[in-house]
Amino acid sequence: MRAISAKSFVANNRLYAPPARPVVVVCLEGSADEYLDAALARGRMPHLKQVTVSGYRGLARGALPSFTKVNNASIVTGVPPSVHGICGNFFYDPAIGAEVMMNSAKYLSAETIFPAASRAGRKVAIVTAKEKLRDILASGLVGRGGIAFFSERPSPCASL
């Protein structure tokens, strides 16, 4: 078995120093923490409880405007919408004279942490619910040996 790289890396002027073990981040967006507390107290989420006991559970302050793509782009870049460029669900594109959905990595103006982690020798896998997020989250991983898929249609899985 190949050792897991603990080499530090920089993405968007932030230093990341990962441990020499797998790191899994689960984003439960759009839910109040009180719901999780109640479910955990009632024994309804035993796997999440195990993760919180042996790992870490924390809260992240949401980016504004509070939309899924805005927040997810902020999480994976470590910078606010004013830097990463995903500032809402739609924007008006004067070049074509129409409203455009911001569901593509072409609107992302900052690198995600994933290609930086890959360059540092980490294996990267991204699982998300929807294609519109997979494109943004997997930005920059093409040709880096990562993998990304969305649960709406897990096959074919995109090997990057």
Protein backbone atom coordinates (compact mmCIF):
# COMPACT_ATOMS: atom_id res chain seq x y z
CA MET A 1 0.00 0.00 0.00
CA ARG A 2 1.32 3.41 -0.97
CA ALA A 3 1.92 5.90 1.84
CA ILE A 4 -0.40 8.89 1.91
CA SER A 5 1.34 12.18 1.26
CA ALA A 6 1.40 14.64 4.15
CA LYS A 7 3.14 17.24 2.00
CA SER A 8 1.79 20.75 2.59
CA PHE A 9 0.34 22.67 -0.33
CA VAL A 10 -0.93 26.15 -1.10
CA ALA A 11 -4.20 27.05 -2.79
CA ASN A 12 -5.35 30.65 -3.13
CA ASN A 13 -2.60 31.92 -0.82
CA ARG A 14 -3.65 29.55 1.98
CA LEU A 15 -1.37 26.88 3.36
CA TYR A 16 -2.89 23.43 3.89
CA ALA A 17 -1.01 20.86 6.00
CA PRO A 18 -2.96 17.59 5.70
CA PRO A 19 -2.32 14.63 7.97
CA ALA A 20 -0.75 11.43 6.59
CA ARG A 21 -4.12 9.68 6.57
CA PRO A 22 -7.22 9.98 4.40
CA VAL A 23 -9.28 13.14 4.88
CA VAL A 24 -13.00 13.06 4.17
CA VAL A 25 -15.14 16.20 4.25
CA VAL A 26 -18.92 15.84 4.27
CA CYS A 27 -20.92 18.98 3.65
CA LEU A 28 -24.49 18.77 4.95
CA GLU A 29 -25.65 22.02 3.44
CA GLY A 30 -29.10 23.46 3.97
CA SER A 31 -29.74 21.88 7.34
CA ALA A 32 -29.85 23.38 10.81
CA ASP A 33 -27.31 21.89 13.22
CA GLU A 34 -30.12 21.41 15.74
CA TYR A 35 -31.66 18.75 13.46
CA LEU A 36 -28.41 16.78 13.53
CA ASP A 37 -28.14 17.19 17.32
CA ALA A 38 -31.69 15.83 17.77
CA ALA A 39 -31.08 12.89 15.41
CA LEU A 40 -27.77 12.03 17.07
CA ALA A 41 -29.32 12.21 20.56
CA ARG A 42 -32.02 9.76 19.44
CA GLY A 43 -29.54 7.31 17.91
CA ARG A 44 -30.86 7.96 14.38
CA MET A 45 -27.47 8.69 12.80
CA PRO A 46 -25.03 6.09 14.19
CA HIS A 47 -22.48 6.48 11.39
CA LEU A 48 -22.35 10.26 11.76
CA LYS A 49 -21.99 9.80 15.51
CA GLN A 50 -18.99 7.53 14.96
CA VAL A 51 -17.40 10.11 12.68
CA THR A 52 -17.91 12.86 15.25
CA VAL A 53 -16.42 10.68 18.01
CA SER A 54 -13.36 9.49 16.07
CA GLY A 55 -12.98 12.50 13.76
CA TYR A 56 -14.25 16.03 13.78
CA ARG A 57 -17.58 17.81 13.47
CA GLY A 58 -17.74 21.54 12.96
CA LEU A 59 -19.71 24.37 11.46
CA ALA A 60 -18.74 26.66 8.62
CA ARG A 61 -20.09 30.15 8.20
CA GLY A 62 -22.08 30.33 4.99
CA ALA A 63 -21.14 32.65 2.16
CA LEU A 64 -23.63 35.21 0.91
CA PRO A 65 -25.71 35.07 -1.12
CA SER A 66 -26.74 31.79 0.47
CA PHE A 67 -26.94 29.51 -2.57
CA THR A 68 -25.57 25.99 -2.92
CA LYS A 69 -23.05 26.76 -5.66
CA VAL A 70 -21.82 29.91 -3.91
CA ASN A 71 -21.23 28.08 -0.62
CA ASN A 72 -19.71 24.97 -2.19
CA ALA A 73 -17.33 27.07 -4.29
CA SER A 74 -16.31 28.95 -1.12
CA ILE A 75 -15.67 25.69 0.74
CA VAL A 76 -13.52 24.14 -1.98
CA THR A 77 -11.53 27.27 -2.79
CA GLY A 78 -11.17 28.66 0.74
CA VAL A 79 -12.00 32.15 -0.53
CA PRO A 80 -15.17 34.28 -0.70
CA PRO A 81 -17.38 34.76 -3.79
CA SER A 82 -15.67 38.09 -4.52
CA VAL A 83 -12.51 36.06 -5.22
CA HIS A 84 -13.79 32.72 -6.64
CA GLY A 85 -16.38 34.35 -8.90
CA ILE A 86 -19.45 32.16 -8.27
CA CYS A 87 -21.70 34.89 -6.94
CA GLY A 88 -25.22 33.52 -7.41
CA ASN A 89 -27.35 31.13 -9.40
CA PHE A 90 -27.62 33.39 -12.47
CA PHE A 91 -26.00 36.48 -13.93
CA TYR A 92 -26.78 38.70 -16.88
CA ASP A 93 -24.29 38.25 -19.68
CA PRO A 94 -24.33 41.42 -21.80
CA ALA A 95 -22.30 39.70 -24.54
CA ILE A 96 -25.23 37.41 -25.36
CA GLY A 97 -28.02 39.59 -23.92
CA ALA A 98 -29.39 36.87 -21.66
CA GLU A 99 -29.42 35.49 -18.15
CA VAL A 100 -26.92 32.67 -17.69
CA MET A 101 -26.89 29.96 -15.01
CA MET A 102 -23.60 29.86 -13.06
CA ASN A 103 -23.32 26.08 -13.13
CA SER A 104 -20.01 25.73 -14.89
CA ALA A 105 -16.40 25.82 -13.77
CA LYS A 106 -15.76 28.37 -16.53
CA TYR A 107 -17.19 30.98 -14.13
CA LEU A 108 -14.80 29.94 -11.34
CA SER A 109 -11.94 32.43 -11.05
CA ALA A 110 -9.97 30.68 -8.28
CA GLU A 111 -8.44 27.23 -8.09
CA THR A 112 -10.07 24.67 -5.83
CA ILE A 113 -7.92 22.91 -3.24
CA PHE A 114 -8.24 19.60 -5.12
CA PRO A 115 -5.68 20.11 -7.92
CA ALA A 116 -3.28 21.64 -5.38
CA ALA A 117 -3.72 18.56 -3.15
CA SER A 118 -3.21 16.30 -6.17
CA ARG A 119 0.03 18.08 -7.12
CA ALA A 120 1.17 17.48 -3.51
CA GLY A 121 0.68 13.74 -4.01
CA ARG A 122 -2.80 13.27 -2.50
CA LYS A 123 -5.36 11.01 -4.16
CA VAL A 124 -8.53 13.04 -4.74
CA ALA A 125 -12.11 11.78 -5.05
CA ILE A 126 -15.16 14.01 -5.24
CA VAL A 127 -18.72 12.79 -4.75
CA THR A 128 -21.59 15.23 -5.02
CA ALA A 129 -25.32 15.10 -5.56
CA LYS A 130 -25.64 16.98 -8.84
CA GLU A 131 -23.78 17.44 -12.11
CA LYS A 132 -23.96 21.23 -11.75
CA LEU A 133 -21.72 20.91 -8.68
CA ARG A 134 -19.42 18.21 -10.04
CA ASP A 135 -18.18 20.49 -12.79
CA ILE A 136 -17.32 23.26 -10.31
CA LEU A 137 -15.90 21.00 -7.59
CA ALA A 138 -13.74 18.98 -10.00
CA SER A 139 -12.37 22.07 -11.74
CA GLY A 140 -8.67 21.76 -12.45
CA LEU A 141 -8.46 18.02 -11.85
CA VAL A 142 -8.41 16.97 -15.50
CA GLY A 143 -5.28 14.95 -16.14
CA ARG A 144 -4.40 14.74 -12.45
CA GLY A 145 -5.66 11.20 -11.77
CA GLY A 146 -8.56 12.22 -9.54
CA ILE A 147 -12.09 10.93 -9.76
CA ALA A 148 -15.40 12.80 -9.57
CA PHE A 149 -19.00 11.74 -9.88
CA PHE A 150 -22.48 12.80 -8.91
CA SER A 151 -25.08 10.56 -7.32
CA GLU A 152 -27.89 11.53 -9.70
CA ARG A 153 -26.09 9.48 -12.36
CA PRO A 154 -23.04 7.72 -10.90
CA SER A 155 -22.20 5.95 -14.14
CA PRO A 156 -20.19 6.85 -16.07
CA CYS A 157 -17.79 8.04 -13.39
CA ALA A 158 -15.43 10.76 -14.56
CA SER A 159 -11.81 9.75 -14.11
CA LEU A 160 -9.87 12.94 -14.29
